[in-house]
Amino acid sequence: MEATGYVSAVATPEVLEAQTDPEIKETYNLAYFFGPEARRVHINPIQYPDSSVVARCAMIHDSGEHTEAVLEMWSHVKGDNLGSGVVIIILATVGAFVVYAVSKKIKRYNHTKRNRKRKKRKPVK
């Protein structure tokens, strides 16, 4: 849990004790997860948010026959529903940018090369 930042699905006193951090000054109410003995705990609020945070959150539950519609809606929210046309436009834009950047670099290289040749040709006074 410490290495990955994942939260234990098991709310045992051992997990609570292992996750308690006395260096954290503020206390959090985790009674919703660990039970009444966890009303004032010094714990990482990112892994285990206070009950006031959890109270304003929503859970997605099994929607029965509407599950497919909910999953499709969630895909739109996440943005993983890109069509092939959008992907082609993105790739074409990136490709055009790469071609432009390479052509600018080649022009700059040729310009520098010509300037070096000119400097070599100048007669010494």
C-alpha atoms as a PDB file:
ATOM      1  CA  MET A   1       0.000   0.000   0.000  1.00  0.00           C
ATOM      2  CA  GLU A   2       2.837   2.391   0.795  1.00  0.00           C
ATOM      3  CA  ALA A   3       4.664   1.730  -2.464  1.00  0.00           C
ATOM      4  CA  THR A   4       1.659   2.026  -4.774  1.00  0.00           C
ATOM      5  CA  GLY A   5      -0.622   4.388  -2.842  1.00  0.00           C
ATOM      6  CA  TYR A   6      -3.555   2.013  -3.085  1.00  0.00           C
ATOM      7  CA  VAL A   7      -6.058   1.796  -0.266  1.00  0.00           C
ATOM      8  CA  SER A   8      -6.697  -1.497   1.476  1.00  0.00           C
ATOM      9  CA  ALA A   9     -10.113  -2.995   0.835  1.00  0.00           C
ATOM     10  CA  VAL A  10      -9.914  -4.510   4.312  1.00  0.00           C
ATOM     11  CA  ALA A  11     -10.733  -2.151   7.194  1.00  0.00           C
ATOM     12  CA  THR A  12      -8.986  -3.889  10.049  1.00  0.00           C
ATOM     13  CA  PRO A  13      -7.415  -2.296  13.142  1.00  0.00           C
ATOM     14  CA  GLU A  14      -4.031  -3.495  11.839  1.00  0.00           C
ATOM     15  CA  VAL A  15      -4.434  -1.544   8.599  1.00  0.00           C
ATOM     16  CA  LEU A  16      -5.543   1.543  10.510  1.00  0.00           C
ATOM     17  CA  GLU A  17      -2.554   1.273  12.829  1.00  0.00           C
ATOM     18  CA  ALA A  18      -0.148   0.753   9.928  1.00  0.00           C
ATOM     19  CA  GLN A  19      -1.493   3.784   8.058  1.00  0.00           C
ATOM     20  CA  THR A  20      -1.630   6.146  11.052  1.00  0.00           C
ATOM     21  CA  ASP A  21       1.040   8.837  10.767  1.00  0.00           C
ATOM     22  CA  PRO A  22       1.778  10.940  13.887  1.00  0.00           C
ATOM     23  CA  GLU A  23       3.602  13.519  11.724  1.00  0.00           C
ATOM     24  CA  ILE A  24       0.256  14.499  10.143  1.00  0.00           C
ATOM     25  CA  LYS A  25      -1.084  17.232  12.428  1.00  0.00           C
ATOM     26  CA  GLU A  26      -4.735  17.281  11.354  1.00  0.00           C
ATOM     27  CA  THR A  27      -7.159  14.532  12.300  1.00  0.00           C
ATOM     28  CA  TYR A  28      -9.701  12.957   9.972  1.00  0.00           C
ATOM     29  CA  ASN A  29     -12.953  11.120  10.588  1.00  0.00           C
ATOM     30  CA  LEU A  30     -12.700   7.668   9.022  1.00  0.00           C
ATOM     31  CA  ALA A  31     -15.555   6.081  10.957  1.00  0.00           C
ATOM     32  CA  TYR A  32     -17.288   5.330   7.641  1.00  0.00           C
ATOM     33  CA  PHE A  33     -14.476   2.892   6.784  1.00  0.00           C
ATOM     34  CA  PHE A  34     -12.775   1.709   9.977  1.00  0.00           C
ATOM     35  CA  GLY A  35     -15.671   2.066  12.424  1.00  0.00           C
ATOM     36  CA  PRO A  36     -16.334   4.368  15.412  1.00  0.00           C
ATOM     37  CA  GLU A  37     -12.799   4.047  16.838  1.00  0.00           C
ATOM     38  CA  ALA A  38     -11.466   5.979  13.800  1.00  0.00           C
ATOM     39  CA  ARG A  39     -13.251   9.309  14.365  1.00  0.00           C
ATOM     40  CA  ARG A  40     -10.042  11.284  14.951  1.00  0.00           C
ATOM     41  CA  VAL A  41      -7.145   9.705  13.083  1.00  0.00           C
ATOM     42  CA  HIS A  42      -3.839  11.165  11.873  1.00  0.00           C
ATOM     43  CA  ILE A  43      -3.757   9.630   8.410  1.00  0.00           C
ATOM     44  CA  ASN A  44      -3.018  10.551   4.799  1.00  0.00           C
ATOM     45  CA  PRO A  45      -6.197  12.289   3.535  1.00  0.00           C
ATOM     46  CA  ILE A  46      -5.347  11.470  -0.085  1.00  0.00           C
ATOM     47  CA  GLN A  47      -5.596   7.744   0.533  1.00  0.00           C
ATOM     48  CA  TYR A  48      -8.320   7.958   3.156  1.00  0.00           C
ATOM     49  CA  PRO A  49     -10.448  11.115   2.741  1.00  0.00           C
ATOM     50  CA  ASP A  50     -12.423  12.556   5.632  1.00  0.00           C
ATOM     51  CA  SER A  51     -16.083  11.552   5.955  1.00  0.00           C
ATOM     52  CA  SER A  52     -17.102  15.102   4.911  1.00  0.00           C
ATOM     53  CA  VAL A  53     -15.379  14.537   1.545  1.00  0.00           C
ATOM     54  CA  VAL A  54     -16.887  11.094   1.078  1.00  0.00           C
ATOM     55  CA  ALA A  55     -20.360  12.465   1.891  1.00  0.00           C
ATOM     56  CA  ARG A  56     -20.327  14.718  -1.161  1.00  0.00           C
ATOM     57  CA  CYS A  57     -19.111  11.975  -3.515  1.00  0.00           C
ATOM     58  CA  ALA A  58     -21.200   9.623  -5.592  1.00  0.00           C
ATOM     59  CA  MET A  59     -20.797   5.953  -6.335  1.00  0.00           C
ATOM     60  CA  ILE A  60     -21.672   4.214  -9.561  1.00  0.00           C
ATOM     61  CA  HIS A  61     -23.778   1.136  -8.861  1.00  0.00           C
ATOM     62  CA  ASP A  62     -25.043  -1.641 -11.087  1.00  0.00           C
ATOM     63  CA  SER A  63     -27.663  -0.079 -13.326  1.00  0.00           C
ATOM     64  CA  GLY A  64     -29.176  -3.333 -14.455  1.00  0.00           C
ATOM     65  CA  GLU A  65     -30.422  -3.055 -18.025  1.00  0.00           C
ATOM     66  CA  HIS A  66     -29.033   0.488 -18.269  1.00  0.00           C
ATOM     67  CA  THR A  67     -25.433  -0.563 -17.521  1.00  0.00           C
ATOM     68  CA  GLU A  68     -24.337  -0.283 -21.173  1.00  0.00           C
ATOM     69  CA  ALA A  69     -25.710   3.270 -21.393  1.00  0.00           C
ATOM     70  CA  VAL A  70     -23.938   4.253 -18.166  1.00  0.00           C
ATOM     71  CA  LEU A  71     -20.646   2.774 -19.407  1.00  0.00           C
ATOM     72  CA  GLU A  72     -20.986   4.653 -22.700  1.00  0.00           C
ATOM     73  CA  MET A  73     -21.711   7.889 -20.841  1.00  0.00           C
ATOM     74  CA  TRP A  74     -18.689   7.335 -18.598  1.00  0.00           C
ATOM     75  CA  SER A  75     -16.529   6.740 -21.699  1.00  0.00           C
ATOM     76  CA  HIS A  76     -17.603  10.147 -23.005  1.00  0.00           C
ATOM     77  CA  VAL A  77     -16.692  11.760 -19.686  1.00  0.00           C
ATOM     78  CA  LYS A  78     -13.247  10.116 -19.675  1.00  0.00           C
ATOM     79  CA  GLY A  79     -12.658  11.033 -23.303  1.00  0.00           C
ATOM     80  CA  ASP A  80     -11.744   7.540 -24.477  1.00  0.00           C
ATOM     81  CA  ASN A  81     -14.324   7.585 -27.233  1.00  0.00           C
ATOM     82  CA  LEU A  82     -12.230   9.225 -29.955  1.00  0.00           C
ATOM     83  CA  GLY A  83     -13.421   8.331 -33.411  1.00  0.00           C
ATOM     84  CA  SER A  84     -11.033   7.343 -36.178  1.00  0.00           C
ATOM     85  CA  GLY A  85     -11.504  10.745 -37.841  1.00  0.00           C
ATOM     86  CA  VAL A  86     -10.309  12.600 -34.759  1.00  0.00           C
ATOM     87  CA  VAL A  87      -7.313  10.284 -34.412  1.00  0.00           C
ATOM     88  CA  ILE A  88      -6.391  10.859 -38.081  1.00  0.00           C
ATOM     89  CA  ILE A  89      -6.614  14.643 -37.638  1.00  0.00           C
ATOM     90  CA  ILE A  90      -4.406  14.515 -34.535  1.00  0.00           C
ATOM     91  CA  LEU A  91      -1.818  12.309 -36.255  1.00  0.00           C
ATOM     92  CA  ALA A  92      -1.840  14.499 -39.380  1.00  0.00           C
ATOM     93  CA  THR A  93      -1.298  17.625 -37.270  1.00  0.00           C
ATOM     94  CA  VAL A  94       1.590  16.024 -35.381  1.00  0.00           C
ATOM     95  CA  GLY A  95       3.066  14.777 -38.667  1.00  0.00           C
ATOM     96  CA  ALA A  96       2.819  18.240 -40.235  1.00  0.00           C
ATOM     97  CA  PHE A  97       4.532  19.766 -37.219  1.00  0.00           C
ATOM     98  CA  VAL A  98       7.377  17.233 -37.435  1.00  0.00           C
ATOM     99  CA  VAL A  99       7.844  17.894 -41.169  1.00  0.00           C
ATOM    100  CA  TYR A 100       7.867  21.659 -40.537  1.00  0.00           C
ATOM    101  CA  ALA A 101      10.399  21.361 -37.695  1.00  0.00           C
ATOM    102  CA  VAL A 102      12.722  19.129 -39.744  1.00  0.00           C
ATOM    103  CA  SER A 103      12.537  21.422 -42.783  1.00  0.00           C
ATOM    104  CA  LYS A 104      13.393  24.463 -40.604  1.00  0.00           C
ATOM    105  CA  LYS A 105      16.375  22.596 -39.174  1.00  0.00           C
ATOM    106  CA  ILE A 106      17.588  21.637 -42.670  1.00  0.00           C
ATOM    107  CA  LYS A 107      17.253  25.234 -43.894  1.00  0.00           C
ATOM    108  CA  ARG A 108      19.173  26.508 -40.876  1.00  0.00           C
ATOM    109  CA  TYR A 109      21.913  23.909 -41.457  1.00  0.00           C
ATOM    110  CA  ASN A 110      22.226  24.818 -45.162  1.00  0.00           C
ATOM    111  CA  HIS A 111      22.287  28.536 -44.334  1.00  0.00           C
ATOM    112  CA  THR A 112      25.083  28.014 -41.812  1.00  0.00           C
ATOM    113  CA  LYS A 113      26.995  25.842 -44.277  1.00  0.00           C
ATOM    114  CA  ARG A 114      26.789  28.558 -46.983  1.00  0.00           C
ATOM    115  CA  ASN A 115      28.005  31.213 -44.542  1.00  0.00           C
ATOM    116  CA  ARG A 116      31.042  29.084 -43.685  1.00  0.00           C
ATOM    117  CA  LYS A 117      31.907  28.710 -47.383  1.00  0.00           C
ATOM    118  CA  ARG A 118      31.598  32.483 -47.918  1.00  0.00           C
ATOM    119  CA  LYS A 119      33.932  33.188 -45.015  1.00  0.00           C
ATOM    120  CA  LYS A 120      36.528  30.809 -46.486  1.00  0.00           C
ATOM    121  CA  ARG A 121      36.369  32.548 -49.930  1.00  0.00           C
ATOM    122  CA  LYS A 122      36.969  36.076 -48.628  1.00  0.00           C
ATOM    123  CA  PRO A 123      40.443  37.279 -49.600  1.00  0.00           C
ATOM    124  CA  VAL A 124      42.871  38.091 -46.804  1.00  0.00           C
ATOM    125  CA  LYS A 125      43.828  41.787 -46.732  1.00  0.00           C
END
